[in-house]
Amino acid sequence: MTSQLRRSPLRTVAALVAAVTAVLLTLVGCSVDKSGADSGKPTIRLAYQSFPSGDLIVKNNRWLEEALPDYNIKWTKFDSGADVNTAFVAKQIDFGAIGSSPVARGLSQPLNIPYQVAFVLDVAGDNEALVARNGTGIDTVADLKGKRVATAFASTAHYSLLAALEQAGVKPADVDIIDLQPQASLAAWQRGDVDAVYTWLPTLDELRKDGKTLITSRQLATDGKPTLDLGVVATDFANAHPDVVDTWRKVQARALTVIHDDPQAAAEAIAAQLGTTPEDAANQLKQGTYLTPAELATPTWLGTEGNPGNLAENLHSAAVFLAGQQQIPSAPPLSTFQAALYTKGLPGVLEQS
C-alpha cells in the first residue's frame, strides 16, 4: 500500500477490472504462513484477516492441521475483503474470511467470482464503526459534508459508510472519501490527514482513544443495513473436496462453541494472533455478535440443503444498494445469491462438530 491518498471516484466496470488486474500482478497487502509445509502433500490455501473471529482460533490452535494431516495448510493474511476477492480471481486461495459487502460485490459483475458462502464468522456490531477525530468539529454523520473520510474500498466498512451517509442525507460526492486500509488509515489519522474513519477492530479501538463514534454497524443493522464476516470457499474446490469443506466447517463451528462456552480460551487464542492481551481480545469479542452452530442452519442464516436461508436476501440487498451507489454495474437476481450458499449436509455437519 503506498502512502498516497486515493480519492473515491464512481467505480465503472473498466475501473473495477483495472483495479483487479493491477492487484493480480502483485497480490499486495498479504503475508504467508508457510510453517510446516510438506512438498509431498496437496495444499489447502486459506485467506484470513486480523479481526476477532473463530477463524483466528482455528488458526492459532492448529485445528485444521490436526484434522487434515494429509494436507499442507497455508494461511495467508489479507488486509481487506477487496484483496481476498482479488486472490480468488487469481485462483490463489481456496477458502477466505471476507465481509458480506465484498461477497455481494464478488458475486456481481464484473467479478462474478465462482465461490460460495459456507459459514458465518460473525455479525458486525460495535466492532465496526465510524469515528471522527477530536477537534474536527464533527458531531454527527451530517457534519461529514466537505470532510475527508478514510475507509477500505469494497469492504463492509465502505458499504456501511455509504449507508450511513445515505441515512443522513449526505451525498457521497460531497464527502472526500479516501481509500485506505485499516493501518494506513490510522497513520493518516495520526498525521491529521483525515477527519474521520470507518473501519474495524483492532484499528478501531486505537481511533476511539482520541475520537468520537458517530455510528456503529450495530446501529446500521438495526436500520436494515446489516454486515457480516463470512467464510467462503471456491466452488471448484468445494465440488472436488466436499469432505475437506465439511472438516473446515466443523472446526469453525468448534471455534464458535469456544467463544460462547469458554470466552477466556477464545480470548487467549485471538490475542496470540492479534499480538495483544487476552483482556483486550475479550473486549473486542464482546463488541461483535457470534452465532451458535445450531443457528447457522436456520432459515435466518444459511438455511439447509434445498432451502437457502435469508442470508441470500441480505447479500442481494447489499448488491442492490451497491448498484444504487454506482459501486457495481447492476445487482444479480436473488437466485444468484441463493445458489451461492453452500448448505450441503446442513444441519448434520454442524451437529457433528
Protein backbone atom coordinates (compact mmCIF):
# COMPACT_ATOMS: atom_id res chain seq x y z
CA MET A 1 0.00 0.00 0.00
CA THR A 2 1.53 3.32 -0.99
CA SER A 3 1.29 6.37 1.23
CA GLN A 4 -0.54 8.32 -1.45
CA LEU A 5 -4.17 9.02 -0.60
CA ARG A 6 -6.56 7.67 -3.21
CA ARG A 7 -9.81 9.57 -3.55
CA SER A 8 -13.08 7.84 -4.36
CA PRO A 9 -14.35 8.00 -7.96
CA LEU A 10 -17.54 6.32 -9.15
CA ARG A 11 -16.49 2.76 -9.89
CA THR A 12 -17.13 1.93 -13.53
CA VAL A 13 -16.76 -1.56 -14.96
CA ALA A 14 -13.47 -0.56 -16.56
CA ALA A 15 -12.14 0.83 -13.29
CA LEU A 16 -13.09 -2.32 -11.40
CA VAL A 17 -11.43 -4.58 -13.95
CA ALA A 18 -8.34 -2.36 -13.99
CA ALA A 19 -8.13 -2.48 -10.20
CA VAL A 20 -8.38 -6.25 -10.15
CA THR A 21 -5.79 -6.59 -12.91
CA ALA A 22 -3.34 -4.33 -11.10
CA VAL A 23 -3.53 -6.29 -7.88
CA LEU A 24 -3.35 -9.60 -9.70
CA LEU A 25 0.14 -8.64 -10.79
CA THR A 26 1.42 -8.22 -7.25
CA LEU A 27 -1.11 -9.57 -4.72
CA VAL A 28 -0.05 -6.83 -2.37
CA GLY A 29 -1.09 -6.49 1.25
CA CYS A 30 -0.72 -10.14 2.22
CA SER A 31 1.70 -12.31 4.15
CA VAL A 32 2.00 -16.07 4.08
CA ASP A 33 2.49 -18.54 6.92
CA LYS A 34 4.42 -21.45 5.37
CA SER A 35 5.31 -23.22 8.61
CA GLY A 36 5.26 -26.99 8.43
CA ALA A 37 4.96 -27.15 4.63
CA ASP A 38 5.49 -30.59 3.12
CA SER A 39 6.03 -30.57 -0.64
CA GLY A 40 4.75 -34.14 -0.85
CA LYS A 41 1.25 -33.21 0.26
CA PRO A 42 -1.51 -31.25 -1.52
CA THR A 43 -2.00 -27.74 -0.13
CA ILE A 44 -5.16 -26.07 1.15
CA ARG A 45 -4.84 -22.28 0.87
CA LEU A 46 -6.74 -20.08 3.32
CA ALA A 47 -7.08 -16.29 3.43
CA TYR A 48 -7.55 -14.78 6.87
CA GLN A 49 -7.91 -11.26 8.25
CA SER A 50 -6.93 -9.74 11.59
CA PHE A 51 -10.37 -9.24 13.05
CA PRO A 52 -11.57 -11.19 16.12
CA SER A 53 -13.40 -14.31 15.00
CA GLY A 54 -13.40 -18.07 15.32
CA ASP A 55 -11.19 -18.21 12.23
CA LEU A 56 -8.26 -16.91 14.30
CA ILE A 57 -8.99 -19.52 16.98
CA VAL A 58 -8.86 -22.28 14.36
CA LYS A 59 -5.57 -20.91 13.02
CA ASN A 60 -3.96 -20.40 16.42
CA ASN A 61 -4.90 -23.82 17.77
CA ARG A 62 -3.94 -25.58 14.51
CA TRP A 63 -7.22 -27.47 14.48
CA LEU A 64 -7.33 -27.71 10.71
CA GLU A 65 -3.78 -29.05 10.62
CA GLU A 66 -4.75 -31.70 13.18
CA ALA A 67 -7.97 -32.62 11.37
CA LEU A 68 -6.35 -32.83 7.91
CA PRO A 69 -2.89 -34.35 8.41
CA ASP A 70 -2.68 -35.41 4.75
CA TYR A 71 -2.66 -31.78 3.58
CA ASN A 72 -0.39 -28.77 3.88
CA ILE A 73 -2.36 -25.89 5.41
CA LYS A 74 -1.23 -22.50 4.11
CA TRP A 75 -2.62 -19.40 5.84
CA THR A 76 -2.27 -16.04 4.07
CA LYS A 77 -3.08 -12.76 5.77
CA PHE A 78 -5.00 -10.08 3.84
CA ASP A 79 -5.86 -6.53 4.79
CA SER A 80 -9.40 -6.34 3.37
CA GLY A 81 -12.14 -8.18 1.52
CA ALA A 82 -11.21 -6.48 -1.74
CA ASP A 83 -7.79 -8.16 -1.63
CA VAL A 84 -9.38 -11.50 -0.75
CA ASN A 85 -11.64 -11.17 -3.80
CA THR A 86 -8.61 -10.46 -5.94
CA ALA A 87 -6.88 -13.59 -4.65
CA PHE A 88 -9.94 -15.67 -5.56
CA VAL A 89 -9.98 -14.18 -9.05
CA ALA A 90 -6.30 -15.11 -9.36
CA LYS A 91 -7.10 -18.65 -8.11
CA GLN A 92 -4.56 -18.18 -5.31
CA ILE A 93 -6.80 -19.34 -2.42
CA ASP A 94 -9.41 -22.00 -1.66
CA PHE A 95 -11.06 -20.56 1.49
CA GLY A 96 -11.38 -16.99 2.65
CA ALA A 97 -12.61 -14.87 5.57
CA ILE A 98 -14.37 -11.91 3.97
CA GLY A 99 -17.12 -9.38 4.67
CA SER A 100 -20.63 -9.62 3.26
CA SER A 101 -20.33 -6.47 1.15
CA PRO A 102 -17.22 -7.72 -0.70
CA VAL A 103 -19.03 -11.05 -1.21
CA ALA A 104 -22.05 -9.26 -2.70
CA ARG A 105 -19.63 -7.41 -4.99
CA GLY A 106 -17.71 -10.58 -5.81
CA LEU A 107 -20.88 -12.40 -6.91
CA SER A 108 -21.84 -9.47 -9.15
CA GLN A 109 -20.50 -8.18 -12.43
CA PRO A 110 -17.78 -7.68 -13.49
CA LEU A 111 -16.09 -10.04 -11.00
CA ASN A 112 -18.59 -12.93 -10.99
CA ILE A 113 -16.32 -14.91 -8.66
CA PRO A 114 -17.18 -18.63 -8.52
CA TYR A 115 -17.29 -19.07 -4.76
CA GLN A 116 -19.89 -19.98 -2.15
CA VAL A 117 -20.68 -18.89 1.39
CA ALA A 118 -20.16 -21.84 3.72
CA PHE A 119 -20.05 -20.14 7.14
CA VAL A 120 -20.99 -17.01 9.09
CA LEU A 121 -17.98 -15.97 11.18
CA ASP A 122 -19.68 -13.05 12.93
CA VAL A 123 -22.36 -10.38 12.60
CA ALA A 124 -20.90 -6.87 12.76
CA GLY A 125 -21.84 -4.90 15.84
CA ASP A 126 -19.80 -2.28 17.65
CA ASN A 127 -16.65 -3.88 16.19
CA GLU A 128 -17.08 -1.74 13.06
CA ALA A 129 -17.79 1.96 13.38
CA LEU A 130 -17.38 5.45 12.00
CA VAL A 131 -15.18 7.60 14.22
CA ALA A 132 -14.45 11.34 13.91
CA ARG A 133 -11.15 12.74 15.15
CA ASN A 134 -11.37 15.07 18.14
CA GLY A 135 -11.01 18.72 17.24
CA THR A 136 -12.56 18.43 13.78
CA GLY A 137 -15.94 19.82 14.86
CA ILE A 138 -17.70 16.70 13.58
CA ASP A 139 -20.50 15.62 15.90
CA THR A 140 -22.87 13.82 13.51
CA VAL A 141 -22.70 11.96 10.21
CA ALA A 142 -24.26 15.01 8.55
CA ASP A 143 -21.21 17.04 9.58
CA LEU A 144 -19.03 14.95 7.25
CA LYS A 145 -20.01 17.07 4.26
CA GLY A 146 -16.83 18.58 2.88
CA LYS A 147 -14.63 16.47 5.19
CA ARG A 148 -12.03 13.81 4.46
CA VAL A 149 -13.11 10.30 5.46
CA ALA A 150 -10.99 7.16 5.10
CA THR A 151 -12.22 3.61 4.64
CA ALA A 152 -11.08 0.48 2.81
CA PHE A 153 -12.84 0.42 -0.55
CA ALA A 154 -15.08 -2.57 -1.31
CA SER A 155 -15.13 -3.59 2.37
CA THR A 156 -18.05 -3.91 4.78
CA ALA A 157 -16.86 -0.63 6.32
CA HIS A 158 -17.12 1.12 2.93
CA TYR A 159 -20.62 -0.29 2.48
CA SER A 160 -21.61 0.88 5.95
CA LEU A 161 -20.13 4.33 5.36
CA LEU A 162 -22.24 4.75 2.23
CA ALA A 163 -25.30 3.52 4.12
CA ALA A 164 -24.64 5.98 6.96
CA LEU A 165 -24.26 8.89 4.52
CA GLU A 166 -27.49 7.95 2.74
CA GLN A 167 -29.30 7.75 6.07
CA ALA A 168 -28.02 11.22 6.99
CA GLY A 169 -28.97 12.70 3.61
CA VAL A 170 -25.36 13.33 2.58
CA LYS A 171 -24.28 12.58 -0.98
CA PRO A 172 -21.03 10.59 -1.25
CA ALA A 173 -19.82 13.13 -3.82
CA ASP A 174 -20.00 15.80 -1.10
CA VAL A 175 -17.50 13.88 1.06
CA ASP A 176 -13.83 13.36 0.23
CA ILE A 177 -13.76 9.57 0.64
CA ILE A 178 -10.24 8.16 0.70
CA ASP A 179 -9.30 4.53 0.09
CA LEU A 180 -7.04 3.35 2.93
CA GLN A 181 -6.56 0.00 4.64
CA PRO A 182 -7.00 -0.01 8.45
CA GLN A 183 -3.37 0.53 9.46
CA ALA A 184 -2.84 3.15 6.75
CA SER A 185 -5.99 4.97 7.90
CA LEU A 186 -4.64 5.02 11.47
CA ALA A 187 -1.38 6.57 10.25
CA ALA A 188 -3.31 9.18 8.23
CA TRP A 189 -5.45 9.91 11.30
CA GLN A 190 -2.37 10.43 13.47
CA ARG A 191 -0.89 12.82 10.89
CA GLY A 192 -4.15 14.78 10.73
CA ASP A 193 -4.65 13.90 7.06
CA VAL A 194 -8.21 12.61 7.58
CA ASP A 195 -11.11 13.84 9.68
CA ALA A 196 -12.92 10.53 10.18
CA VAL A 197 -12.50 6.81 9.52
CA TYR A 198 -14.95 3.92 9.11
CA THR A 199 -13.07 0.73 9.98
CA TRP A 200 -12.99 -2.35 12.20
CA LEU A 201 -11.12 -3.84 15.15
CA PRO A 202 -8.36 -3.77 16.25
CA THR A 203 -7.58 -0.46 14.48
CA LEU A 204 -10.95 0.90 15.56
CA ASP A 205 -10.03 0.83 19.25
CA GLU A 206 -6.92 2.92 18.52
CA LEU A 207 -9.04 5.56 16.79
CA ARG A 208 -11.52 5.66 19.65
CA LYS A 209 -8.78 6.84 22.02
CA ASP A 210 -8.92 10.33 20.56
CA GLY A 211 -12.09 10.28 18.52
CA LYS A 212 -15.87 10.24 18.76
CA THR A 213 -18.01 7.36 17.49
CA LEU A 214 -20.66 8.71 15.11
CA ILE A 215 -22.40 5.44 14.24
CA THR A 216 -21.70 1.72 14.53
CA SER A 217 -22.52 -1.18 12.25
CA ARG A 218 -24.80 -2.48 15.01
CA GLN A 219 -26.94 0.65 14.64
CA LEU A 220 -26.98 0.34 10.85
CA ALA A 221 -28.02 -3.31 11.16
CA THR A 222 -30.99 -2.22 13.26
CA ASP A 223 -31.88 0.19 10.47
CA GLY A 224 -31.82 -2.55 7.83
CA LYS A 225 -28.20 -2.46 6.61
CA PRO A 226 -26.53 -5.39 8.42
CA THR A 227 -23.00 -6.54 7.60
CA LEU A 228 -21.33 -9.84 8.38
CA ASP A 229 -17.99 -11.60 8.15
CA LEU A 230 -18.32 -14.78 6.13
CA GLY A 231 -16.32 -17.87 5.33
CA VAL A 232 -16.33 -18.62 1.61
CA VAL A 233 -14.93 -21.47 -0.47
CA ALA A 234 -14.06 -21.64 -4.16
CA THR A 235 -16.82 -23.56 -5.96
CA ASP A 236 -14.38 -25.79 -7.87
CA PHE A 237 -12.63 -26.71 -4.64
CA ALA A 238 -15.92 -27.46 -2.86
CA ASN A 239 -17.07 -29.69 -5.71
CA ALA A 240 -13.78 -31.57 -5.74
CA HIS A 241 -13.28 -31.81 -1.96
CA PRO A 242 -16.62 -31.77 -0.11
CA ASP A 243 -15.06 -33.77 2.71
CA VAL A 244 -12.49 -31.01 3.30
CA VAL A 245 -15.24 -28.38 3.34
CA ASP A 246 -17.11 -30.46 5.93
CA THR A 247 -14.00 -30.64 8.11
CA TRP A 248 -13.39 -26.91 7.75
CA ARG A 249 -16.99 -26.16 8.78
CA LYS A 250 -16.68 -28.47 11.78
CA VAL A 251 -13.57 -26.75 13.16
CA GLN A 252 -15.14 -23.32 12.54
CA ALA A 253 -18.23 -24.46 14.44
CA ARG A 254 -15.98 -25.71 17.24
CA ALA A 255 -14.48 -22.22 17.45
CA LEU A 256 -17.93 -20.63 17.75
CA THR A 257 -18.69 -23.01 20.61
CA VAL A 258 -15.49 -21.97 22.39
CA ILE A 259 -16.42 -18.29 22.02
CA HIS A 260 -19.72 -18.98 23.77
CA ASP A 261 -18.66 -21.63 26.30
CA ASP A 262 -15.07 -20.68 27.14
CA PRO A 263 -14.58 -16.98 26.34
CA GLN A 264 -11.25 -16.90 28.20
CA ALA A 265 -9.77 -19.59 25.96
CA ALA A 266 -11.19 -17.80 22.93
CA ALA A 267 -9.66 -14.50 24.02
CA GLU A 268 -6.25 -16.09 24.64
CA ALA A 269 -6.17 -17.68 21.19
CA ILE A 270 -7.25 -14.48 19.44
CA ALA A 271 -4.83 -12.38 21.49
CA ALA A 272 -1.97 -14.59 20.33
CA GLN A 273 -2.94 -13.96 16.70
CA LEU A 274 -3.51 -10.22 17.09
CA GLY A 275 -0.44 -9.59 19.24
CA THR A 276 -2.48 -8.09 22.07
CA THR A 277 -3.53 -9.05 25.59
CA PRO A 278 -6.28 -11.55 26.40
CA GLU A 279 -8.14 -8.73 28.18
CA ASP A 280 -8.09 -6.60 25.04
CA ALA A 281 -9.14 -9.55 22.87
CA ALA A 282 -12.01 -10.32 25.25
CA ASN A 283 -13.20 -6.73 24.96
CA GLN A 284 -13.06 -6.95 21.18
CA LEU A 285 -15.07 -10.17 21.19
CA LYS A 286 -17.79 -8.52 23.25
CA GLN A 287 -18.29 -5.93 20.52
CA GLY A 288 -19.33 -8.47 17.87
CA THR A 289 -22.18 -10.97 17.58
CA TYR A 290 -21.31 -14.64 17.18
CA LEU A 291 -23.93 -17.19 16.20
CA THR A 292 -24.13 -20.68 17.64
CA PRO A 293 -23.52 -23.63 15.27
CA ALA A 294 -27.23 -24.50 15.53
CA GLU A 295 -28.25 -21.02 14.40
CA LEU A 296 -26.19 -21.24 11.21
CA ALA A 297 -28.52 -23.79 9.61
CA THR A 298 -31.72 -21.87 10.39
CA PRO A 299 -33.79 -20.01 7.76
CA THR A 300 -32.42 -16.70 9.10
CA TRP A 301 -28.87 -17.54 8.05
CA LEU A 302 -27.53 -20.28 5.75
CA GLY A 303 -30.61 -22.47 5.78
CA THR A 304 -30.45 -26.13 4.73
CA GLU A 305 -29.78 -28.06 1.55
CA GLY A 306 -32.51 -27.16 -0.95
CA ASN A 307 -33.80 -24.36 1.31
CA PRO A 308 -31.35 -21.45 1.20
CA GLY A 309 -31.64 -19.08 4.13
CA ASN A 310 -32.26 -15.36 4.41
CA LEU A 311 -28.54 -14.65 4.16
CA ALA A 312 -29.13 -14.72 0.40
CA GLU A 313 -31.62 -11.87 0.80
CA ASN A 314 -29.06 -9.95 2.84
CA LEU A 315 -26.43 -10.31 0.12
CA HIS A 316 -28.91 -9.41 -2.61
CA SER A 317 -29.97 -6.28 -0.72
CA ALA A 318 -26.30 -5.32 -0.36
CA ALA A 319 -25.80 -5.72 -4.12
CA VAL A 320 -28.89 -3.63 -4.86
CA PHE A 321 -27.56 -0.91 -2.58
CA LEU A 322 -24.09 -1.05 -4.16
CA ALA A 323 -25.65 -0.77 -7.63
CA GLY A 324 -27.66 2.24 -6.47
CA GLN A 325 -24.42 3.81 -5.24
CA GLN A 326 -22.81 3.04 -8.63
CA GLN A 327 -20.26 0.79 -6.97
CA ILE A 328 -21.21 -2.11 -9.29
CA PRO A 329 -22.99 -2.02 -12.67
CA SER A 330 -26.11 -3.88 -11.50
CA ALA A 331 -27.32 -6.36 -8.91
CA PRO A 332 -27.75 -10.02 -9.92
CA PRO A 333 -31.10 -11.70 -9.22
CA LEU A 334 -31.78 -13.21 -5.81
CA SER A 335 -31.30 -16.69 -7.28
CA THR A 336 -27.59 -15.93 -7.80
CA PHE A 337 -27.13 -15.42 -4.08
CA GLN A 338 -29.29 -18.38 -3.12
CA ALA A 339 -27.13 -20.60 -5.33
CA ALA A 340 -24.05 -19.14 -3.63
CA LEU A 341 -24.98 -20.51 -0.20
CA TYR A 342 -23.12 -23.77 0.45
CA THR A 343 -25.61 -25.76 2.53
CA LYS A 344 -24.64 -29.29 1.54
CA GLY A 345 -25.05 -31.58 4.54
CA LEU A 346 -26.55 -28.96 6.84
CA PRO A 347 -27.51 -29.13 9.64
CA GLY A 348 -25.92 -32.57 10.11
CA VAL A 349 -22.34 -31.40 9.56
CA LEU A 350 -22.64 -28.73 12.24
CA GLU A 351 -24.31 -31.09 14.70
CA GLN A 352 -21.24 -33.34 14.50
CA SER A 353 -18.82 -30.55 15.40
